[in-house]
Amino acid sequence: MCPVWPLHIIFFYLLTIIPVWVVCQTAPKLMTEFNPSYLEVHMDETKVVKVNISDFKNCNNGDNLFIKSDSEHISSTDYGSYQLKEEDLNSFIVQKFNVTGNFLGKTKIRVVSSNAICSNTNEPLEVIVTRKERIIDRVFTGSVATLVSIIYINFGCAMDWATVKATIKRPFGPAIGFFGQFLFMPLISYGFGVLLFPNDTNMQLGMFFTGVSPGGGASNIWTYVLGGNLNLSITMTTISTLAAFGMMPLWLFTLGRSIFKSGDLGVPYYRIAGFAVGLVIPLGLGLLAQRYLPRFAKLMVRILKTFSALLLLFIIVFAIVTNLYLFELFSWQIIVAGMCVPWLGYMVGYVAATLLKQPPGDCLAIALETGIQNTGISIFLLRFSLSQPEADLTTVIPVSIAIMTPLPMICLYLYQVLKRRCSVVQEYIIPSTMQETVPLMDCD
């Protein structure tokens, strides 16, 4: 028996297959030259591309050539096929085709053949599909900014400025909100980013940028609608916005660098300053109205709750419609990320305020201020730090968080409405004689 049995079988097999592999590797490649050599196209946009194909040494007369995208979901071509003729084999051919952007992302377009050896193309066309800013995006941004400015005038009319001064002098509530906003939220967003997206630094960055952003103006609206302390809420939002000038750089250039080791990280000071101005000026106008136009101020306060509820409904519906295309990117990780960041913020803020013996209205305001983030700033940060289409793809994180943020408040608001209506039924519908003899239903 052979002393190396059965290894000699493997040895002879390798001697047979290696020369064939070497021949395949050294075989002339089908040469392609695309014009342009790099293509960037918007979603639903079509561009014309030319390709010069040559070196048909491994091709045969009658072989079919195809131009295909690696991902038809991202971009597609309208090219059918081309059948090689005898005269093509010693020459070159020029083909023209259309490339259409279907969805955000990167893919490659290459020339392939029905002949496996002939299909060895060496120059694929890299295609990047990005999103063009639409009219509806501008309408949404402009309308929300206008309506929020109007509602902050209402807030200025409704605020008790003596209470605000007292809160600033003894800032227990703002201190709790500050530590929740700028200590807990950055750490929890960083931790869940690493846990949910261990191999995707862009998504981790989307989580972290959302966590380090200051509180959003929606916290003030929800605080008023749900019966919390509006004076404390607006005070905390103002402090949070001003503190962001120092706290955001602190987090971005320390913990943020562990995620994003290469590339630009910047703080959108202009954006933060714009939000601060948009907060302070309407509040100042409301204060002036409260002092010099008391009847107008009372009217504004009277319509504030209804206006707040309608504004929240408008923002939620319009935001979903505007970002419908991003729902294709939603996965269970994206949904969990959208829920965890704001919902844990609510819980931690409320528990901390309760343990520190804050009044119920203050606990609600602190919880909302902790959990609600200014996702507009996080989206701006992503677009500044990442190239396209990664920047637009990563915005799915702050968009998911923005969509999941109001769900607990909607449930709480519906509970409050049902509770009030149940009380009205007990008071006005049930006869007084039955109230004396029949135990009333406990609506709580």
Protein backbone atom coordinates (compact mmCIF):
# COMPACT_ATOMS: atom_id res chain seq x y z
CA MET A 1 0.00 0.00 0.00
CA CYS A 2 1.18 3.53 -0.76
CA PRO A 3 2.65 5.07 2.44
CA VAL A 4 0.90 8.39 1.85
CA TRP A 5 -2.53 6.87 1.06
CA PRO A 6 -5.05 8.48 0.72
CA LEU A 7 -3.18 11.81 0.51
CA HIS A 8 -1.85 10.94 -2.94
CA ILE A 9 -5.40 11.26 -4.33
CA ILE A 10 -5.62 14.88 -3.12
CA PHE A 11 -2.13 15.56 -4.50
CA PHE A 12 -2.97 14.32 -8.01
CA TYR A 13 -6.26 16.23 -7.94
CA LEU A 14 -4.41 19.48 -7.20
CA LEU A 15 -1.93 18.76 -10.00
CA THR A 16 -4.88 18.49 -12.37
CA ILE A 17 -6.91 21.50 -11.24
CA ILE A 18 -4.18 24.11 -10.62
CA PRO A 19 -3.09 24.48 -14.28
CA VAL A 20 -6.74 24.99 -15.29
CA TRP A 21 -7.15 27.67 -12.61
CA VAL A 22 -3.95 29.44 -13.73
CA VAL A 23 -5.15 29.49 -17.34
CA CYS A 24 -8.49 30.98 -16.29
CA GLN A 25 -6.78 33.69 -14.25
CA THR A 26 -4.44 34.70 -17.05
CA ALA A 27 -7.13 34.69 -19.74
CA PRO A 28 -7.70 38.12 -21.36
CA LYS A 29 -10.50 40.06 -19.75
CA LEU A 30 -13.44 41.67 -21.46
CA MET A 31 -12.50 45.36 -21.33
CA THR A 32 -15.12 47.98 -20.54
CA GLU A 33 -14.81 51.75 -20.34
CA PHE A 34 -17.85 53.65 -19.07
CA ASN A 35 -18.53 57.31 -19.78
CA PRO A 36 -18.94 58.79 -17.24
CA SER A 37 -16.67 56.54 -15.17
CA TYR A 38 -18.59 57.41 -12.00
CA LEU A 39 -22.31 58.16 -11.81
CA GLU A 40 -24.34 59.98 -9.17
CA VAL A 41 -28.08 60.04 -9.77
CA HIS A 42 -31.07 61.14 -7.71
CA MET A 43 -33.96 58.87 -6.83
CA ASP A 44 -36.44 58.62 -9.76
CA GLU A 45 -33.92 60.33 -12.05
CA THR A 46 -32.57 58.83 -15.27
CA LYS A 47 -29.18 59.52 -16.87
CA VAL A 48 -27.59 58.32 -20.10
CA VAL A 49 -24.35 56.30 -19.99
CA LYS A 50 -22.08 55.13 -22.79
CA VAL A 51 -19.82 52.09 -22.58
CA ASN A 52 -16.92 51.10 -24.84
CA ILE A 53 -16.49 47.29 -24.87
CA SER A 54 -13.41 45.61 -26.36
CA ASP A 55 -11.04 42.61 -26.16
CA PHE A 56 -13.35 39.77 -27.21
CA LYS A 57 -10.62 37.12 -27.40
CA ASN A 58 -12.57 34.72 -25.19
CA CYS A 59 -15.93 35.47 -26.80
CA ASN A 60 -17.61 33.70 -29.68
CA ASN A 61 -19.83 34.77 -32.52
CA GLY A 62 -23.43 34.77 -31.24
CA ASP A 63 -22.62 35.38 -27.56
CA ASN A 64 -25.08 37.75 -25.89
CA LEU A 65 -23.89 40.74 -23.87
CA PHE A 66 -25.97 42.19 -21.03
CA ILE A 67 -25.56 45.32 -18.91
CA LYS A 68 -26.87 44.65 -15.42
CA SER A 69 -26.92 46.29 -12.00
CA ASP A 70 -25.72 44.39 -8.93
CA SER A 71 -28.82 45.72 -7.14
CA GLU A 72 -31.91 46.50 -9.20
CA HIS A 73 -33.50 47.86 -6.02
CA ILE A 74 -30.96 50.71 -5.93
CA SER A 75 -30.55 51.39 -9.65
CA SER A 76 -31.59 49.70 -12.88
CA THR A 77 -30.83 49.90 -16.60
CA ASP A 78 -33.09 49.71 -19.64
CA TYR A 79 -30.53 47.72 -21.63
CA GLY A 80 -31.73 44.48 -23.20
CA SER A 81 -28.95 42.49 -24.87
CA TYR A 82 -26.48 42.65 -27.74
CA GLN A 83 -25.51 39.63 -29.84
CA LEU A 84 -21.87 39.62 -30.89
CA LYS A 85 -21.12 39.34 -34.60
CA GLU A 86 -18.03 37.95 -36.28
CA GLU A 87 -16.72 41.42 -37.11
CA ASP A 88 -17.04 42.53 -33.47
CA LEU A 89 -14.54 39.97 -32.19
CA ASN A 90 -11.52 41.83 -33.55
CA SER A 91 -12.84 45.32 -32.89
CA PHE A 92 -14.83 47.19 -30.25
CA ILE A 93 -18.44 48.23 -29.80
CA VAL A 94 -20.04 51.31 -28.21
CA GLN A 95 -23.37 50.93 -26.46
CA LYS A 96 -25.67 53.54 -24.92
CA PHE A 97 -28.16 52.87 -22.10
CA ASN A 98 -30.18 54.63 -19.39
CA VAL A 99 -29.55 54.29 -15.65
CA THR A 100 -32.42 55.06 -13.27
CA GLY A 101 -32.01 55.70 -9.55
CA ASN A 102 -34.58 53.70 -7.60
CA PHE A 103 -33.52 54.01 -3.96
CA LEU A 104 -30.75 55.38 -1.77
CA GLY A 105 -27.50 53.47 -1.81
CA LYS A 106 -24.47 52.35 -3.80
CA THR A 107 -24.26 49.65 -6.44
CA LYS A 108 -22.23 48.69 -9.51
CA ILE A 109 -23.24 48.19 -13.13
CA ARG A 110 -21.24 45.74 -15.19
CA VAL A 111 -21.19 44.07 -18.60
CA VAL A 112 -21.78 40.32 -18.51
CA SER A 113 -22.05 37.69 -21.23
CA SER A 114 -23.90 34.46 -21.82
CA ASN A 115 -20.42 32.95 -22.23
CA ALA A 116 -18.97 32.46 -18.75
CA ILE A 117 -15.35 32.98 -19.85
CA CYS A 118 -16.26 36.09 -21.83
CA SER A 119 -18.06 37.63 -18.84
CA ASN A 120 -14.89 38.47 -16.94
CA THR A 121 -15.31 42.26 -16.93
CA ASN A 122 -12.76 44.42 -15.12
CA GLU A 123 -14.27 47.92 -15.07
CA PRO A 124 -17.73 48.12 -13.45
CA LEU A 125 -19.51 51.45 -13.23
CA GLU A 126 -20.01 52.65 -9.65
CA VAL A 127 -23.43 54.21 -9.14
CA ILE A 128 -24.49 56.30 -6.13
CA VAL A 129 -28.17 57.10 -5.68
CA THR A 130 -29.00 60.12 -3.53
CA ARG A 131 -32.15 62.02 -2.64
CA LYS A 132 -32.98 65.35 -4.18
CA GLU A 133 -34.53 67.95 -1.89
CA ARG A 134 -38.21 68.11 -2.79
CA ILE A 135 -40.75 70.89 -2.59
CA ILE A 136 -42.66 68.96 0.08
CA ASP A 137 -39.53 68.96 2.28
CA ARG A 138 -39.28 72.74 2.09
CA VAL A 139 -43.01 73.16 2.70
CA PHE A 140 -42.83 70.90 5.76
CA THR A 141 -39.81 72.68 7.24
CA GLY A 142 -41.21 76.15 6.62
CA SER A 143 -44.73 75.39 7.87
CA VAL A 144 -43.52 73.70 11.05
CA ALA A 145 -41.11 76.57 11.81
CA THR A 146 -43.91 79.13 11.32
CA LEU A 147 -46.48 77.25 13.40
CA VAL A 148 -43.99 76.53 16.21
CA SER A 149 -43.08 80.25 16.34
CA ILE A 150 -46.78 81.12 16.69
CA ILE A 151 -47.27 78.59 19.46
CA TYR A 152 -44.27 79.95 21.35
CA ILE A 153 -45.98 83.35 21.28
CA ASN A 154 -48.92 81.58 22.92
CA PHE A 155 -46.55 80.09 25.48
CA GLY A 156 -45.20 83.56 26.24
CA CYS A 157 -48.75 84.75 26.84
CA ALA A 158 -49.46 81.79 29.16
CA MET A 159 -46.25 81.72 31.20
CA ASP A 160 -46.08 82.92 34.77
CA TRP A 161 -42.80 84.83 34.73
CA ALA A 162 -42.67 85.11 38.51
CA THR A 163 -42.70 81.31 38.68
CA VAL A 164 -39.94 81.15 36.07
CA LYS A 165 -37.75 83.48 38.15
CA ALA A 166 -38.39 81.37 41.25
CA THR A 167 -37.45 78.22 39.32
CA ILE A 168 -34.17 79.76 38.17
CA LYS A 169 -33.32 80.80 41.73
CA ARG A 170 -33.92 77.24 43.01
CA PRO A 171 -33.16 75.14 39.93
CA PHE A 172 -33.79 71.63 41.28
CA GLY A 173 -36.03 70.66 38.36
CA PRO A 174 -33.76 72.11 35.66
CA ALA A 175 -30.76 70.37 37.26
CA ILE A 176 -32.49 66.99 37.08
CA GLY A 177 -33.44 67.63 33.47
CA PHE A 178 -29.92 68.79 32.62
CA PHE A 179 -28.24 65.63 33.95
CA GLY A 180 -30.85 63.43 32.29
CA GLN A 181 -30.46 65.28 28.99
CA PHE A 182 -26.67 65.55 28.83
CA LEU A 183 -25.48 62.57 30.87
CA PHE A 184 -27.99 59.73 30.61
CA MET A 185 -29.19 60.28 27.02
CA PRO A 186 -25.72 60.35 25.37
CA LEU A 187 -24.61 57.24 27.27
CA ILE A 188 -27.79 55.24 26.60
CA SER A 189 -27.80 56.16 22.91
CA TYR A 190 -24.13 55.19 22.60
CA GLY A 191 -24.71 51.86 24.37
CA PHE A 192 -27.77 50.88 22.34
CA GLY A 193 -26.02 51.95 19.13
CA VAL A 194 -23.15 49.52 19.78
CA LEU A 195 -25.57 46.80 20.92
CA LEU A 196 -28.03 47.03 18.01
CA PHE A 197 -25.56 47.90 15.22
CA PRO A 198 -22.23 46.29 16.18
CA ASN A 199 -20.90 46.29 12.61
CA ASP A 200 -22.40 49.53 11.32
CA THR A 201 -20.61 52.64 12.56
CA ASN A 202 -22.88 54.94 10.54
CA MET A 203 -25.96 53.73 12.41
CA GLN A 204 -24.08 53.98 15.71
CA LEU A 205 -23.29 57.57 14.80
CA GLY A 206 -26.97 58.24 14.06
CA MET A 207 -27.91 56.96 17.51
CA PHE A 208 -25.17 58.92 19.27
CA PHE A 209 -25.87 62.19 17.46
CA THR A 210 -29.52 61.96 18.47
CA GLY A 211 -28.59 61.28 22.09
CA VAL A 212 -26.26 64.29 22.41
CA SER A 213 -28.72 66.74 20.83
CA PRO A 214 -30.55 69.19 23.13
CA GLY A 215 -34.21 68.88 24.01
CA GLY A 216 -36.82 69.51 21.35
CA GLY A 217 -39.54 72.12 21.34
CA ALA A 218 -42.18 69.38 21.21
CA SER A 219 -41.55 68.76 24.92
CA ASN A 220 -43.11 72.14 25.75
CA ILE A 221 -46.20 71.43 23.63
CA TRP A 222 -46.71 67.97 25.11
CA THR A 223 -46.14 69.28 28.63
CA TYR A 224 -48.94 71.80 28.18
CA VAL A 225 -51.32 69.33 26.50
CA LEU A 226 -50.80 66.74 29.24
CA GLY A 227 -51.12 69.22 32.11
CA GLY A 228 -47.49 69.45 33.20
CA ASN A 229 -45.56 72.47 34.43
CA LEU A 230 -45.17 74.63 31.30
CA ASN A 231 -43.01 77.23 33.07
CA LEU A 232 -40.49 74.58 34.12
CA SER A 233 -40.58 72.93 30.68
CA ILE A 234 -39.73 76.11 28.76
CA THR A 235 -37.06 77.02 31.30
CA MET A 236 -35.42 73.62 30.85
CA THR A 237 -35.63 73.81 27.05
CA THR A 238 -33.92 77.21 27.07
CA ILE A 239 -31.18 75.99 29.42
CA SER A 240 -30.72 72.81 27.36
CA THR A 241 -30.38 74.75 24.11
CA LEU A 242 -27.81 77.15 25.56
CA ALA A 243 -25.90 74.34 27.29
CA ALA A 244 -25.67 72.47 23.98
CA PHE A 245 -23.01 74.97 22.86
CA GLY A 246 -20.66 73.39 25.39
CA MET A 247 -22.03 69.89 26.01
CA MET A 248 -22.26 68.76 22.38
CA PRO A 249 -18.56 69.42 21.63
CA LEU A 250 -17.64 67.67 24.88
CA TRP A 251 -19.41 64.45 23.84
CA LEU A 252 -18.62 64.61 20.11
CA PHE A 253 -14.88 65.00 20.56
CA THR A 254 -14.56 62.41 23.36
CA LEU A 255 -16.98 59.48 23.12
CA GLY A 256 -17.93 60.37 19.56
CA ARG A 257 -14.36 59.81 18.38
CA SER A 258 -14.53 56.15 19.46
CA ILE A 259 -17.24 55.65 16.79
CA PHE A 260 -16.07 58.00 14.08
CA LYS A 261 -12.29 57.81 14.10
CA SER A 262 -11.87 59.29 10.63
CA GLY A 263 -13.71 62.17 9.02
CA ASP A 264 -15.08 65.50 10.11
CA LEU A 265 -17.02 65.99 13.30
CA GLY A 266 -18.46 69.44 13.76
CA VAL A 267 -20.91 71.16 16.04
CA PRO A 268 -23.78 72.95 14.25
CA TYR A 269 -23.47 76.17 16.26
CA TYR A 270 -25.40 78.10 13.62
CA ARG A 271 -28.27 75.62 13.79
CA ILE A 272 -28.37 75.68 17.61
CA ALA A 273 -28.21 79.48 17.64
CA GLY A 274 -31.08 79.62 15.15
CA PHE A 275 -33.18 77.37 17.38
CA ALA A 276 -32.35 79.52 20.42
CA VAL A 277 -33.38 82.71 18.60
CA GLY A 278 -36.54 81.02 17.35
CA LEU A 279 -37.33 80.13 20.96
CA VAL A 280 -36.53 83.41 22.71
CA ILE A 281 -38.03 85.95 20.26
CA PRO A 282 -41.57 84.45 20.15
CA LEU A 283 -41.53 84.04 23.94
CA GLY A 284 -40.54 87.70 24.24
CA LEU A 285 -43.40 88.73 21.97
CA GLY A 286 -45.77 86.70 24.11
CA LEU A 287 -44.44 88.44 27.23
CA LEU A 288 -44.99 91.85 25.64
CA ALA A 289 -48.53 90.85 24.67
CA GLN A 290 -49.18 89.66 28.21
CA ARG A 291 -48.09 93.03 29.55
CA TYR A 292 -49.45 95.50 26.99
CA LEU A 293 -52.26 93.55 25.27
CA PRO A 294 -53.88 91.54 28.07
CA ARG A 295 -57.10 90.83 26.17
CA PHE A 296 -55.17 89.49 23.18
CA ALA A 297 -52.98 87.41 25.52
CA LYS A 298 -56.05 85.85 27.16
CA LEU A 299 -57.42 84.95 23.73
CA MET A 300 -54.14 83.30 22.80
CA VAL A 301 -54.15 81.30 26.05
CA ARG A 302 -57.75 80.24 25.45
CA ILE A 303 -56.92 78.64 22.09
CA LEU A 304 -53.53 77.28 23.19
CA LYS A 305 -54.53 73.72 24.07
CA THR A 306 -56.55 73.14 20.90
CA PHE A 307 -53.86 74.75 18.77
CA SER A 308 -51.18 72.61 20.45
CA ALA A 309 -53.07 69.38 19.81
CA LEU A 310 -53.66 70.29 16.15
CA LEU A 311 -50.01 71.25 15.68
CA LEU A 312 -48.80 67.96 17.13
CA LEU A 313 -51.17 66.04 14.86
CA PHE A 314 -49.99 68.05 11.85
CA ILE A 315 -46.30 67.42 12.63
CA ILE A 316 -46.78 63.66 13.16
CA VAL A 317 -48.83 63.10 9.98
CA PHE A 318 -46.76 65.42 7.76
CA ALA A 319 -43.46 63.97 9.01
CA ILE A 320 -44.59 60.43 8.21
CA VAL A 321 -45.79 61.43 4.73
CA THR A 322 -42.58 63.34 4.00
CA ASN A 323 -40.34 60.44 5.04
CA LEU A 324 -42.35 57.54 3.64
CA TYR A 325 -39.40 56.43 1.50
CA LEU A 326 -37.37 55.69 4.65
CA PHE A 327 -39.83 53.04 5.83
CA GLU A 328 -38.20 50.65 3.34
CA LEU A 329 -35.12 50.75 5.58
CA PHE A 330 -36.99 49.92 8.79
CA SER A 331 -35.85 46.72 10.49
CA TRP A 332 -36.49 45.41 13.99
CA GLN A 333 -33.22 47.05 15.10
CA ILE A 334 -34.34 50.43 13.74
CA ILE A 335 -37.73 50.11 15.49
CA VAL A 336 -36.15 49.07 18.80
CA ALA A 337 -33.68 51.96 18.55
CA GLY A 338 -36.56 54.37 17.92
CA MET A 339 -38.38 53.17 21.02
CA CYS A 340 -35.49 52.75 23.45
CA VAL A 341 -33.93 56.22 23.32
CA PRO A 342 -37.00 58.39 24.08
CA TRP A 343 -38.94 55.88 26.16
CA LEU A 344 -36.04 55.14 28.50
CA GLY A 345 -35.50 58.90 28.75
CA TYR A 346 -39.10 59.34 29.92
CA MET A 347 -38.74 56.59 32.51
CA VAL A 348 -35.41 57.76 33.91
CA GLY A 349 -36.49 61.41 34.02
CA TYR A 350 -39.77 60.63 35.76
CA VAL A 351 -38.25 58.18 38.27
CA ALA A 352 -35.40 60.57 39.13
CA ALA A 353 -37.81 63.49 39.63
CA THR A 354 -40.15 61.34 41.76
CA LEU A 355 -37.32 60.07 43.97
CA LEU A 356 -36.19 63.66 44.50
CA LYS A 357 -39.74 64.53 45.63
CA GLN A 358 -40.69 66.89 42.80
CA PRO A 359 -44.40 67.78 42.29
CA PRO A 360 -46.31 65.59 39.77
CA GLY A 361 -46.49 68.39 37.16
CA ASP A 362 -42.73 68.92 37.44
CA CYS A 363 -42.08 65.17 37.15
CA LEU A 364 -44.02 65.08 33.90
CA ALA A 365 -42.17 68.12 32.51
CA ILE A 366 -38.76 66.66 33.49
CA ALA A 367 -39.61 63.27 31.94
CA LEU A 368 -40.66 64.84 28.64
CA GLU A 369 -37.66 67.18 28.53
CA THR A 370 -35.31 64.24 29.11
CA GLY A 371 -36.85 61.91 26.52
CA ILE A 372 -37.62 64.29 23.65
CA GLN A 373 -34.60 65.13 21.48
CA ASN A 374 -34.12 67.78 18.79
CA THR A 375 -33.83 65.32 15.90
CA GLY A 376 -33.41 68.18 13.42
CA ILE A 377 -29.97 68.92 14.89
CA SER A 378 -28.95 65.24 14.75
CA ILE A 379 -29.97 65.03 11.06
CA PHE A 380 -27.92 68.17 10.35
CA LEU A 381 -24.92 66.61 12.12
CA LEU A 382 -25.19 63.43 10.04
CA ARG A 383 -25.30 65.37 6.78
CA PHE A 384 -22.26 67.38 7.84
CA SER A 385 -20.18 64.37 8.93
CA LEU A 386 -21.06 61.70 6.35
CA SER A 387 -20.94 61.63 2.57
CA GLN A 388 -23.95 60.71 0.45
CA PRO A 389 -25.83 58.41 0.36
CA GLU A 390 -24.71 57.33 3.86
CA ALA A 391 -25.92 60.61 5.36
CA ASP A 392 -29.47 60.17 4.02
CA LEU A 393 -29.53 56.44 4.82
CA THR A 394 -28.46 57.07 8.42
CA THR A 395 -31.24 59.63 8.97
CA VAL A 396 -33.54 56.63 9.38
CA ILE A 397 -32.37 56.55 13.03
CA PRO A 398 -33.48 60.08 14.08
CA VAL A 399 -36.61 59.69 11.92
CA SER A 400 -37.48 56.42 13.71
CA ILE A 401 -36.88 58.09 17.08
CA ALA A 402 -39.05 61.06 16.06
CA ILE A 403 -41.88 58.72 15.03
CA MET A 404 -41.71 56.59 18.20
CA THR A 405 -41.29 59.58 20.55
CA PRO A 406 -44.96 60.70 20.76
CA LEU A 407 -46.56 57.24 21.12
CA PRO A 408 -46.50 57.13 24.97
CA MET A 409 -47.82 60.71 25.15
CA ILE A 410 -50.64 59.92 22.74
CA CYS A 411 -51.65 56.98 24.94
CA LEU A 412 -51.47 59.16 28.08
CA TYR A 413 -53.52 61.90 26.40
CA LEU A 414 -56.22 59.42 25.34
CA TYR A 415 -56.30 58.05 28.89
CA GLN A 416 -56.79 61.56 30.29
CA VAL A 417 -59.60 62.28 27.80
CA LEU A 418 -61.38 59.01 28.64
CA LYS A 419 -60.96 59.67 32.35
CA ARG A 420 -62.51 63.15 32.05
CA ARG A 421 -65.42 61.85 29.99
CA CYS A 422 -66.00 59.05 32.46
CA SER A 423 -66.17 61.64 35.25
CA VAL A 424 -68.72 63.66 33.25
CA VAL A 425 -70.87 60.56 32.77
CA GLN A 426 -70.82 59.87 36.49
CA GLU A 427 -71.70 63.46 37.38
CA TYR A 428 -74.42 64.30 34.84
CA ILE A 429 -75.88 61.09 33.43
CA ILE A 430 -76.21 58.68 36.32
CA PRO A 431 -79.23 59.71 38.46
CA SER A 432 -78.44 60.98 41.90
CA THR A 433 -80.62 58.29 43.49
CA MET A 434 -78.58 55.58 41.83
CA GLN A 435 -75.39 57.28 42.96
CA GLU A 436 -76.56 56.83 46.56
CA THR A 437 -77.46 53.15 46.20
CA VAL A 438 -75.13 51.82 43.50
CA PRO A 439 -71.34 52.04 43.85
CA LEU A 440 -69.94 54.16 41.03
CA MET A 441 -67.54 52.70 38.53
CA ASP A 442 -63.95 53.56 39.34
CA CYS A 443 -62.57 55.23 36.18
CA ASP A 444 -59.05 55.16 37.48
